């Protein structure tokens, strides 16, 4: 995990708020228009399938890892390509980090296994110095389902990503391969309520010391299309004597169709080492190849 420090100015904060207000206004306008329309009475969200009518069975609605910091255990359906994009502004106080976008690209090889690629274009604000722009190192990975929920036993998947140095903008270059391995768990209490959590290890590509990452989230379906999530997450060094980095976030998602989802979120740090706060907006879409 790379750390940057920036100067903070009143002009920078004003410019940031204007950019952020425009992005959120645009996305929320689309969400408001969608909410005006009637909810499709033929679409019923279930744990594993969607019933379109009495005789036709269709694939379940899209499930997106973003905007969560956690990974869900859900796998992209076999033969489907799924893209998840998040436009994000982080307040590092001093300075700002812009991601436009951070993207997760997924392909379902089977119903139990998917391939993943992570990309992110970032701007680091360093006023009065010029901004630093470029792509972060590419990450390639997989997600594999280990088991479905059975009674008190949760649904489980393992997620493994590895960040590769060299395929990146010079300003964001790392030295070593950087693995990120985590287990994703989820309990569905009902059709519209679930609890999930992650635990894993993450390397930053600069040192050999991994960080332990953890997260806990709650999913709440407000309607068949509108969802709310609450999440706590953070990282801590495996051995070093350092303070715990803890953050919280929350967000809304809206299902525009079986294969298209939009979302907004925001969060804040709880400890001194954590980012001051962030806001984000984005969408997820899938199609069959």
C-alpha atoms as a PDB file:
ATOM      1  CA  UNK A   1       0.000   0.000   0.000  1.00  0.00           C
ATOM      2  CA  UNK A   2       1.654   3.233  -1.137  1.00  0.00           C
ATOM      3  CA  UNK A   3       1.484   6.338   1.067  1.00  0.00           C
ATOM      4  CA  UNK A   4       1.569   9.899  -0.293  1.00  0.00           C
ATOM      5  CA  UNK A   5       1.625  13.308   1.381  1.00  0.00           C
ATOM      6  CA  UNK A   6       0.288  16.523  -0.138  1.00  0.00           C
ATOM      7  CA  UNK A   7      -0.170  20.171   0.616  1.00  0.00           C
ATOM      8  CA  UNK A   8      -3.656  21.349   1.442  1.00  0.00           C
ATOM      9  CA  UNK A   9      -5.135  24.607   0.204  1.00  0.00           C
ATOM     10  CA  UNK A  10      -8.552  26.260   0.259  1.00  0.00           C
ATOM     11  CA  UNK A  11      -8.455  26.391  -3.544  1.00  0.00           C
ATOM     12  CA  UNK A  12      -7.886  22.639  -3.751  1.00  0.00           C
ATOM     13  CA  UNK A  13     -10.837  21.854  -1.504  1.00  0.00           C
ATOM     14  CA  UNK A  14     -13.145  24.180  -3.452  1.00  0.00           C
ATOM     15  CA  UNK A  15     -12.092  22.634  -6.780  1.00  0.00           C
ATOM     16  CA  UNK A  16     -12.591  19.146  -5.367  1.00  0.00           C
ATOM     17  CA  UNK A  17     -16.064  19.846  -4.074  1.00  0.00           C
ATOM     18  CA  UNK A  18     -17.130  21.255  -7.453  1.00  0.00           C
ATOM     19  CA  UNK A  19     -15.899  18.162  -9.301  1.00  0.00           C
ATOM     20  CA  UNK A  20     -17.496  15.876  -6.747  1.00  0.00           C
ATOM     21  CA  UNK A  21     -20.833  17.705  -6.754  1.00  0.00           C
ATOM     22  CA  UNK A  22     -21.058  17.425 -10.541  1.00  0.00           C
ATOM     23  CA  UNK A  23     -20.341  13.670 -10.536  1.00  0.00           C
ATOM     24  CA  UNK A  24     -22.809  12.873  -7.755  1.00  0.00           C
ATOM     25  CA  UNK A  25     -25.522  15.113  -9.190  1.00  0.00           C
ATOM     26  CA  UNK A  26     -25.257  13.351 -12.537  1.00  0.00           C
ATOM     27  CA  UNK A  27     -25.493   9.858 -11.047  1.00  0.00           C
ATOM     28  CA  UNK A  28     -28.209  10.669  -8.528  1.00  0.00           C
ATOM     29  CA  UNK A  29     -30.289  12.257 -11.285  1.00  0.00           C
ATOM     30  CA  UNK A  30     -30.287   8.929 -13.097  1.00  0.00           C
ATOM     31  CA  UNK A  31     -31.199   7.151  -9.880  1.00  0.00           C
ATOM     32  CA  UNK A  32     -34.084   9.520  -9.198  1.00  0.00           C
ATOM     33  CA  UNK A  33     -35.507   9.024 -12.681  1.00  0.00           C
ATOM     34  CA  UNK A  34     -35.322   5.259 -12.227  1.00  0.00           C
ATOM     35  CA  UNK A  35     -37.119   5.403  -8.890  1.00  0.00           C
ATOM     36  CA  UNK A  36     -40.007   7.288 -10.480  1.00  0.00           C
ATOM     37  CA  UNK A  37     -40.770   4.322 -12.727  1.00  0.00           C
ATOM     38  CA  UNK A  38     -42.795   1.373 -11.487  1.00  0.00           C
ATOM     39  CA  UNK A  39     -40.937  -1.605 -10.043  1.00  0.00           C
ATOM     40  CA  UNK A  40     -41.159  -4.546 -12.439  1.00  0.00           C
ATOM     41  CA  UNK A  41     -43.652  -6.896 -10.739  1.00  0.00           C
ATOM     42  CA  UNK A  42     -42.235  -9.931 -12.586  1.00  0.00           C
ATOM     43  CA  UNK A  43     -38.767  -9.583 -11.028  1.00  0.00           C
ATOM     44  CA  UNK A  44     -38.445 -11.303  -7.647  1.00  0.00           C
ATOM     45  CA  UNK A  45     -35.000 -11.457  -6.006  1.00  0.00           C
ATOM     46  CA  UNK A  46     -34.147 -14.849  -4.478  1.00  0.00           C
ATOM     47  CA  UNK A  47     -30.959 -16.313  -3.013  1.00  0.00           C
ATOM     48  CA  UNK A  48     -29.981 -18.288  -6.121  1.00  0.00           C
ATOM     49  CA  UNK A  49     -32.487 -17.551  -8.914  1.00  0.00           C
ATOM     50  CA  UNK A  50     -34.921 -15.009 -10.264  1.00  0.00           C
ATOM     51  CA  UNK A  51     -38.473 -16.046 -11.154  1.00  0.00           C
ATOM     52  CA  UNK A  52     -39.603 -14.118 -14.225  1.00  0.00           C
ATOM     53  CA  UNK A  53     -42.980 -15.879 -14.455  1.00  0.00           C
ATOM     54  CA  UNK A  54     -44.476 -19.241 -13.522  1.00  0.00           C
ATOM     55  CA  UNK A  55     -42.571 -21.218 -16.154  1.00  0.00           C
ATOM     56  CA  UNK A  56     -39.339 -19.383 -17.003  1.00  0.00           C
ATOM     57  CA  UNK A  57     -36.248 -19.539 -14.801  1.00  0.00           C
ATOM     58  CA  UNK A  58     -33.570 -16.907 -15.341  1.00  0.00           C
ATOM     59  CA  UNK A  59     -30.174 -16.113 -13.873  1.00  0.00           C
ATOM     60  CA  UNK A  60     -30.111 -14.139 -10.607  1.00  0.00           C
ATOM     61  CA  UNK A  61     -29.657 -10.336 -10.702  1.00  0.00           C
ATOM     62  CA  UNK A  62     -26.135  -8.965 -10.925  1.00  0.00           C
ATOM     63  CA  UNK A  63     -24.085  -8.899  -7.711  1.00  0.00           C
ATOM     64  CA  UNK A  64     -21.180  -6.476  -7.544  1.00  0.00           C
ATOM     65  CA  UNK A  65     -18.133  -6.378  -5.262  1.00  0.00           C
ATOM     66  CA  UNK A  66     -17.954  -2.601  -5.711  1.00  0.00           C
ATOM     67  CA  UNK A  67     -18.598  -0.270  -3.960  1.00  0.00           C
ATOM     68  CA  UNK A  68     -17.813  -2.533  -0.976  1.00  0.00           C
ATOM     69  CA  UNK A  69     -14.229  -2.718   0.232  1.00  0.00           C
ATOM     70  CA  UNK A  70     -15.019  -6.380   0.914  1.00  0.00           C
ATOM     71  CA  UNK A  71     -15.262  -9.132  -1.663  1.00  0.00           C
ATOM     72  CA  UNK A  72     -18.561 -10.974  -1.898  1.00  0.00           C
ATOM     73  CA  UNK A  73     -18.472 -14.781  -2.262  1.00  0.00           C
ATOM     74  CA  UNK A  74     -20.778 -14.543  -5.325  1.00  0.00           C
ATOM     75  CA  UNK A  75     -19.231 -15.761  -8.615  1.00  0.00           C
ATOM     76  CA  UNK A  76     -19.844 -14.230 -12.057  1.00  0.00           C
ATOM     77  CA  UNK A  77     -22.121 -16.688 -13.949  1.00  0.00           C
ATOM     78  CA  UNK A  78     -20.515 -19.012 -16.480  1.00  0.00           C
ATOM     79  CA  UNK A  79     -19.965 -17.351 -19.860  1.00  0.00           C
ATOM     80  CA  UNK A  80     -20.680 -13.823 -18.579  1.00  0.00           C
ATOM     81  CA  UNK A  81     -18.323 -10.830 -18.656  1.00  0.00           C
ATOM     82  CA  UNK A  82     -18.860  -8.336 -15.837  1.00  0.00           C
ATOM     83  CA  UNK A  83     -17.364  -4.862 -15.414  1.00  0.00           C
ATOM     84  CA  UNK A  84     -17.528  -2.795 -12.222  1.00  0.00           C
ATOM     85  CA  UNK A  85     -16.484   0.878 -12.222  1.00  0.00           C
ATOM     86  CA  UNK A  86     -16.103   3.295  -9.304  1.00  0.00           C
ATOM     87  CA  UNK A  87     -15.307   7.012  -9.511  1.00  0.00           C
ATOM     88  CA  UNK A  88     -13.883   8.056  -6.158  1.00  0.00           C
ATOM     89  CA  UNK A  89     -12.468  11.081  -4.315  1.00  0.00           C
ATOM     90  CA  UNK A  90     -10.456  10.563  -1.114  1.00  0.00           C
ATOM     91  CA  UNK A  91      -9.571  13.345   1.316  1.00  0.00           C
ATOM     92  CA  UNK A  92      -6.108  12.526   2.693  1.00  0.00           C
ATOM     93  CA  UNK A  93      -5.804  15.834   4.628  1.00  0.00           C
ATOM     94  CA  UNK A  94      -3.686  17.328   3.259  1.00  0.00           C
ATOM     95  CA  UNK A  95      -4.411  16.607  -0.372  1.00  0.00           C
ATOM     96  CA  UNK A  96      -6.793  14.505  -2.408  1.00  0.00           C
ATOM     97  CA  UNK A  97      -6.693  11.283  -4.404  1.00  0.00           C
ATOM     98  CA  UNK A  98      -8.970  10.896  -7.449  1.00  0.00           C
ATOM     99  CA  UNK A  99      -9.770   7.506  -8.988  1.00  0.00           C
ATOM    100  CA  UNK A 100     -11.542   7.716 -12.354  1.00  0.00           C
ATOM    101  CA  UNK A 101     -12.238   4.996 -12.463  1.00  0.00           C
ATOM    102  CA  UNK A 102     -11.139   2.097 -10.300  1.00  0.00           C
ATOM    103  CA  UNK A 103     -12.384  -0.932 -12.233  1.00  0.00           C
ATOM    104  CA  UNK A 104     -12.849  -4.651 -11.693  1.00  0.00           C
ATOM    105  CA  UNK A 105     -13.191  -6.834 -14.815  1.00  0.00           C
ATOM    106  CA  UNK A 106     -14.500 -10.387 -14.325  1.00  0.00           C
ATOM    107  CA  UNK A 107     -15.281 -13.423 -16.457  1.00  0.00           C
ATOM    108  CA  UNK A 108     -17.175 -16.510 -15.286  1.00  0.00           C
ATOM    109  CA  UNK A 109     -15.267 -19.597 -16.436  1.00  0.00           C
ATOM    110  CA  UNK A 110     -17.699 -21.863 -14.577  1.00  0.00           C
ATOM    111  CA  UNK A 111     -20.453 -21.147 -12.075  1.00  0.00           C
ATOM    112  CA  UNK A 112     -17.864 -21.775  -9.350  1.00  0.00           C
ATOM    113  CA  UNK A 113     -14.789 -19.994 -10.771  1.00  0.00           C
ATOM    114  CA  UNK A 114     -14.049 -16.562 -12.247  1.00  0.00           C
ATOM    115  CA  UNK A 115     -11.045 -14.710 -13.662  1.00  0.00           C
ATOM    116  CA  UNK A 116     -10.396 -11.110 -12.544  1.00  0.00           C
ATOM    117  CA  UNK A 117      -8.383  -8.049 -13.633  1.00  0.00           C
ATOM    118  CA  UNK A 118      -8.139  -4.854 -11.562  1.00  0.00           C
ATOM    119  CA  UNK A 119      -7.251  -1.487 -13.116  1.00  0.00           C
ATOM    120  CA  UNK A 120      -7.207   2.021 -11.710  1.00  0.00           C
ATOM    121  CA  UNK A 121      -6.316   5.416 -13.122  1.00  0.00           C
ATOM    122  CA  UNK A 122      -5.398   7.846 -10.360  1.00  0.00           C
ATOM    123  CA  UNK A 123      -4.575  11.511  -9.855  1.00  0.00           C
ATOM    124  CA  UNK A 124      -2.628  12.570  -6.783  1.00  0.00           C
ATOM    125  CA  UNK A 125      -3.083  16.238  -5.924  1.00  0.00           C
ATOM    126  CA  UNK A 126       0.161  17.790  -4.766  1.00  0.00           C
ATOM    127  CA  UNK A 127      -0.520  21.526  -4.955  1.00  0.00           C
ATOM    128  CA  UNK A 128       1.283  23.821  -5.428  1.00  0.00           C
ATOM    129  CA  UNK A 129       3.232  21.154  -7.356  1.00  0.00           C
ATOM    130  CA  UNK A 130       1.844  19.576 -10.551  1.00  0.00           C
ATOM    131  CA  UNK A 131      -0.568  16.684 -10.102  1.00  0.00           C
ATOM    132  CA  UNK A 132       0.717  13.134 -10.467  1.00  0.00           C
ATOM    133  CA  UNK A 133      -1.385  11.074 -12.918  1.00  0.00           C
ATOM    134  CA  UNK A 134      -1.249   7.516 -14.139  1.00  0.00           C
ATOM    135  CA  UNK A 135      -2.319   3.890 -13.903  1.00  0.00           C
ATOM    136  CA  UNK A 136      -1.632   1.841 -10.793  1.00  0.00           C
ATOM    137  CA  UNK A 137      -0.008  -1.579 -11.294  1.00  0.00           C
ATOM    138  CA  UNK A 138      -2.328  -4.121 -12.925  1.00  0.00           C
ATOM    139  CA  UNK A 139      -3.641  -6.935 -10.745  1.00  0.00           C
ATOM    140  CA  UNK A 140      -4.700 -10.343 -12.056  1.00  0.00           C
ATOM    141  CA  UNK A 141      -6.627 -12.872 -10.031  1.00  0.00           C
ATOM    142  CA  UNK A 142      -9.280 -15.495  -9.487  1.00  0.00           C
ATOM    143  CA  UNK A 143     -12.259 -16.158  -7.249  1.00  0.00           C
ATOM    144  CA  UNK A 144     -13.367 -19.716  -6.497  1.00  0.00           C
ATOM    145  CA  UNK A 145     -16.439 -20.885  -4.621  1.00  0.00           C
ATOM    146  CA  UNK A 146     -15.622 -23.261  -1.753  1.00  0.00           C
ATOM    147  CA  UNK A 147     -19.131 -23.937  -0.492  1.00  0.00           C
ATOM    148  CA  UNK A 148     -22.760 -22.818  -0.363  1.00  0.00           C
ATOM    149  CA  UNK A 149     -24.528 -21.734   2.799  1.00  0.00           C
ATOM    150  CA  UNK A 150     -25.833 -24.703   4.806  1.00  0.00           C
ATOM    151  CA  UNK A 151     -27.562 -23.916   8.070  1.00  0.00           C
ATOM    152  CA  UNK A 152     -25.194 -21.918  10.256  1.00  0.00           C
ATOM    153  CA  UNK A 153     -22.301 -22.525   7.845  1.00  0.00           C
ATOM    154  CA  UNK A 154     -21.777 -19.511   5.542  1.00  0.00           C
ATOM    155  CA  UNK A 155     -21.282 -19.328   1.806  1.00  0.00           C
ATOM    156  CA  UNK A 156     -17.503 -19.257   1.248  1.00  0.00           C
ATOM    157  CA  UNK A 157     -15.204 -18.231  -1.588  1.00  0.00           C
ATOM    158  CA  UNK A 158     -11.468 -17.648  -1.801  1.00  0.00           C
ATOM    159  CA  UNK A 159     -10.152 -14.593  -3.678  1.00  0.00           C
ATOM    160  CA  UNK A 160      -6.574 -14.342  -4.901  1.00  0.00           C
ATOM    161  CA  UNK A 161      -5.126 -11.337  -6.752  1.00  0.00           C
ATOM    162  CA  UNK A 162      -1.515 -10.547  -7.613  1.00  0.00           C
ATOM    163  CA  UNK A 163      -0.304  -7.069  -8.552  1.00  0.00           C
ATOM    164  CA  UNK A 164       2.378  -7.114 -11.241  1.00  0.00           C
ATOM    165  CA  UNK A 165       5.144  -4.469 -11.398  1.00  0.00           C
ATOM    166  CA  UNK A 166       6.193  -3.038 -14.750  1.00  0.00           C
ATOM    167  CA  UNK A 167       2.787  -2.642 -16.427  1.00  0.00           C
ATOM    168  CA  UNK A 168       2.154   0.734 -14.873  1.00  0.00           C
ATOM    169  CA  UNK A 169       2.828   4.457 -14.964  1.00  0.00           C
ATOM    170  CA  UNK A 170       6.342   5.265 -13.734  1.00  0.00           C
ATOM    171  CA  UNK A 171       5.151   7.357 -10.776  1.00  0.00           C
ATOM    172  CA  UNK A 172       3.280   4.368  -9.311  1.00  0.00           C
ATOM    173  CA  UNK A 173       5.864   1.640  -9.954  1.00  0.00           C
ATOM    174  CA  UNK A 174       6.371  -1.075  -7.320  1.00  0.00           C
ATOM    175  CA  UNK A 175       9.350  -3.381  -6.786  1.00  0.00           C
ATOM    176  CA  UNK A 176       7.908  -6.842  -6.194  1.00  0.00           C
ATOM    177  CA  UNK A 177       4.886  -8.942  -7.025  1.00  0.00           C
ATOM    178  CA  UNK A 178       2.172  -8.114  -4.477  1.00  0.00           C
ATOM    179  CA  UNK A 179      -0.312 -10.903  -3.615  1.00  0.00           C
ATOM    180  CA  UNK A 180      -3.694 -10.274  -1.982  1.00  0.00           C
ATOM    181  CA  UNK A 181      -5.376 -13.405  -0.596  1.00  0.00           C
ATOM    182  CA  UNK A 182      -8.630 -13.375   1.316  1.00  0.00           C
ATOM    183  CA  UNK A 183     -11.555 -15.583   2.288  1.00  0.00           C
ATOM    184  CA  UNK A 184     -15.054 -14.177   1.701  1.00  0.00           C
ATOM    185  CA  UNK A 185     -17.966 -15.380   3.848  1.00  0.00           C
ATOM    186  CA  UNK A 186     -21.670 -14.520   3.706  1.00  0.00           C
ATOM    187  CA  UNK A 187     -24.799 -15.499   5.644  1.00  0.00           C
ATOM    188  CA  UNK A 188     -28.174 -14.803   3.998  1.00  0.00           C
ATOM    189  CA  UNK A 189     -30.614 -14.398   6.879  1.00  0.00           C
ATOM    190  CA  UNK A 190     -33.515 -13.689   4.508  1.00  0.00           C
ATOM    191  CA  UNK A 191     -34.113 -12.673   0.894  1.00  0.00           C
ATOM    192  CA  UNK A 192     -33.473  -9.032   1.762  1.00  0.00           C
ATOM    193  CA  UNK A 193     -30.951  -9.257   4.611  1.00  0.00           C
ATOM    194  CA  UNK A 194     -27.428 -10.649   4.778  1.00  0.00           C
ATOM    195  CA  UNK A 195     -24.164 -10.391   6.691  1.00  0.00           C
ATOM    196  CA  UNK A 196     -20.722 -10.891   5.155  1.00  0.00           C
ATOM    197  CA  UNK A 197     -17.110 -10.701   6.262  1.00  0.00           C
ATOM    198  CA  UNK A 198     -13.572 -11.075   4.878  1.00  0.00           C
ATOM    199  CA  UNK A 199     -10.188 -11.970   6.363  1.00  0.00           C
ATOM    200  CA  UNK A 200      -6.912 -12.144   4.488  1.00  0.00           C
ATOM    201  CA  UNK A 201      -3.332 -11.009   3.857  1.00  0.00           C
ATOM    202  CA  UNK A 202      -2.164  -8.262   1.492  1.00  0.00           C
ATOM    203  CA  UNK A 203       1.341  -7.251   0.362  1.00  0.00           C
ATOM    204  CA  UNK A 204       2.203  -3.768  -0.950  1.00  0.00           C
ATOM    205  CA  UNK A 205       4.913  -4.696  -3.489  1.00  0.00           C
ATOM    206  CA  UNK A 206       7.531  -2.627  -1.660  1.00  0.00           C
ATOM    207  CA  UNK A 207       8.251  -4.544   1.571  1.00  0.00           C
ATOM    208  CA  UNK A 208       8.066  -8.215   2.510  1.00  0.00           C
ATOM    209  CA  UNK A 209       5.799  -7.517   5.466  1.00  0.00           C
ATOM    210  CA  UNK A 210       2.130  -8.342   4.738  1.00  0.00           C
ATOM    211  CA  UNK A 211      -0.860  -6.541   6.180  1.00  0.00           C
ATOM    212  CA  UNK A 212      -3.823  -8.369   7.662  1.00  0.00           C
ATOM    213  CA  UNK A 213      -7.032  -7.026   6.109  1.00  0.00           C
ATOM    214  CA  UNK A 214     -10.481  -7.521   7.579  1.00  0.00           C
ATOM    215  CA  UNK A 215     -14.021  -6.361   6.908  1.00  0.00           C
ATOM    216  CA  UNK A 216     -17.620  -6.845   8.011  1.00  0.00           C
ATOM    217  CA  UNK A 217     -20.681  -5.693   6.072  1.00  0.00           C
ATOM    218  CA  UNK A 218     -24.460  -5.768   6.352  1.00  0.00           C
ATOM    219  CA  UNK A 219     -26.741  -5.886   3.291  1.00  0.00           C
ATOM    220  CA  UNK A 220     -30.305  -4.638   3.584  1.00  0.00           C
ATOM    221  CA  UNK A 221     -32.823  -4.771   0.735  1.00  0.00           C
ATOM    222  CA  UNK A 222     -35.097  -1.736   1.041  1.00  0.00           C
ATOM    223  CA  UNK A 223     -37.082  -2.930  -2.004  1.00  0.00           C
ATOM    224  CA  UNK A 224     -36.545  -5.603  -4.653  1.00  0.00           C
ATOM    225  CA  UNK A 225     -34.326  -3.102  -6.484  1.00  0.00           C
ATOM    226  CA  UNK A 226     -32.977  -0.633  -3.904  1.00  0.00           C
ATOM    227  CA  UNK A 227     -30.325  -1.844  -1.459  1.00  0.00           C
ATOM    228  CA  UNK A 228     -28.378  -0.371   1.460  1.00  0.00           C
ATOM    229  CA  UNK A 229     -25.063  -1.549   2.887  1.00  0.00           C
ATOM    230  CA  UNK A 230     -23.074  -0.682   6.023  1.00  0.00           C
ATOM    231  CA  UNK A 231     -19.440  -1.749   6.376  1.00  0.00           C
ATOM    232  CA  UNK A 232     -16.475  -1.640   8.720  1.00  0.00           C
ATOM    233  CA  UNK A 233     -12.991  -2.531   7.462  1.00  0.00           C
ATOM    234  CA  UNK A 234      -9.288  -1.933   7.901  1.00  0.00           C
ATOM    235  CA  UNK A 235      -5.730  -3.262   7.855  1.00  0.00           C
ATOM    236  CA  UNK A 236      -2.962  -3.858  10.354  1.00  0.00           C
ATOM    237  CA  UNK A 237       0.659  -5.029   9.943  1.00  0.00           C
ATOM    238  CA  UNK A 238       1.210  -8.711  10.663  1.00  0.00           C
ATOM    239  CA  UNK A 239       4.104  -8.241  13.091  1.00  0.00           C
ATOM    240  CA  UNK A 240       5.031  -4.589  13.441  1.00  0.00           C
ATOM    241  CA  UNK A 241       3.857  -2.757  16.545  1.00  0.00           C
ATOM    242  CA  UNK A 242       1.484  -0.336  14.824  1.00  0.00           C
ATOM    243  CA  UNK A 243      -1.949   1.060  15.501  1.00  0.00           C
ATOM    244  CA  UNK A 244      -4.991  -0.523  13.923  1.00  0.00           C
ATOM    245  CA  UNK A 245      -6.267   1.209  10.781  1.00  0.00           C
ATOM    246  CA  UNK A 246     -10.071   1.241  10.937  1.00  0.00           C
ATOM    247  CA  UNK A 247     -12.689   2.795   8.633  1.00  0.00           C
ATOM    248  CA  UNK A 248     -16.437   2.688   8.041  1.00  0.00           C
ATOM    249  CA  UNK A 249     -18.552   3.306   4.952  1.00  0.00           C
ATOM    250  CA  UNK A 250     -22.118   3.029   3.715  1.00  0.00           C
ATOM    251  CA  UNK A 251     -23.900   3.223   0.399  1.00  0.00           C
ATOM    252  CA  UNK A 252     -26.939   2.657  -1.790  1.00  0.00           C
ATOM    253  CA  UNK A 253     -27.328   0.530  -4.900  1.00  0.00           C
ATOM    254  CA  UNK A 254     -30.165   0.427  -7.404  1.00  0.00           C
ATOM    255  CA  UNK A 255     -30.890  -2.393  -9.850  1.00  0.00           C
ATOM    256  CA  UNK A 256     -31.880  -0.879 -13.196  1.00  0.00           C
ATOM    257  CA  UNK A 257     -32.190  -4.303 -14.823  1.00  0.00           C
ATOM    258  CA  UNK A 258     -31.120  -7.878 -14.252  1.00  0.00           C
ATOM    259  CA  UNK A 259     -27.624  -7.023 -15.560  1.00  0.00           C
ATOM    260  CA  UNK A 260     -27.134  -3.333 -14.650  1.00  0.00           C
ATOM    261  CA  UNK A 261     -26.548  -1.779 -11.218  1.00  0.00           C
ATOM    262  CA  UNK A 262     -25.672   1.771 -10.111  1.00  0.00           C
ATOM    263  CA  UNK A 263     -24.324   2.746  -6.703  1.00  0.00           C
ATOM    264  CA  UNK A 264     -23.145   5.627  -4.494  1.00  0.00           C
ATOM    265  CA  UNK A 265     -21.178   5.427  -1.260  1.00  0.00           C
ATOM    266  CA  UNK A 266     -19.162   7.389   1.267  1.00  0.00           C
ATOM    267  CA  UNK A 267     -16.944   6.651   4.232  1.00  0.00           C
ATOM    268  CA  UNK A 268     -14.590   7.993   6.864  1.00  0.00           C
ATOM    269  CA  UNK A 269     -11.580   6.904   8.878  1.00  0.00           C
ATOM    270  CA  UNK A 270     -11.876   6.068  12.569  1.00  0.00           C
ATOM    271  CA  UNK A 271      -8.163   6.081  13.423  1.00  0.00           C
ATOM    272  CA  UNK A 272      -5.324   8.518  12.752  1.00  0.00           C
ATOM    273  CA  UNK A 273      -3.709   6.231  10.164  1.00  0.00           C
ATOM    274  CA  UNK A 274      -6.890   5.947   8.081  1.00  0.00           C
ATOM    275  CA  UNK A 275      -7.920   8.193   5.187  1.00  0.00           C
ATOM    276  CA  UNK A 276      -9.982  11.179   6.367  1.00  0.00           C
ATOM    277  CA  UNK A 277     -12.958  10.325   4.144  1.00  0.00           C
ATOM    278  CA  UNK A 278     -14.179   9.533   0.649  1.00  0.00           C
ATOM    279  CA  UNK A 279     -17.213   9.639  -1.616  1.00  0.00           C
ATOM    280  CA  UNK A 280     -17.795   7.532  -4.721  1.00  0.00           C
ATOM    281  CA  UNK A 281     -20.277   6.799  -7.491  1.00  0.00           C
ATOM    282  CA  UNK A 282     -20.276   4.078 -10.116  1.00  0.00           C
ATOM    283  CA  UNK A 283     -22.006   1.271 -11.952  1.00  0.00           C
ATOM    284  CA  UNK A 284     -21.714  -2.438 -12.730  1.00  0.00           C
ATOM    285  CA  UNK A 285     -22.796  -4.179 -15.931  1.00  0.00           C
ATOM    286  CA  UNK A 286     -22.587  -7.708 -17.328  1.00  0.00           C
ATOM    287  CA  UNK A 287     -23.358  -9.452 -20.587  1.00  0.00           C
ATOM    288  CA  UNK A 288     -23.057 -12.958 -21.985  1.00  0.00           C
ATOM    289  CA  UNK A 289     -20.213 -13.607 -24.392  1.00  0.00           C
END
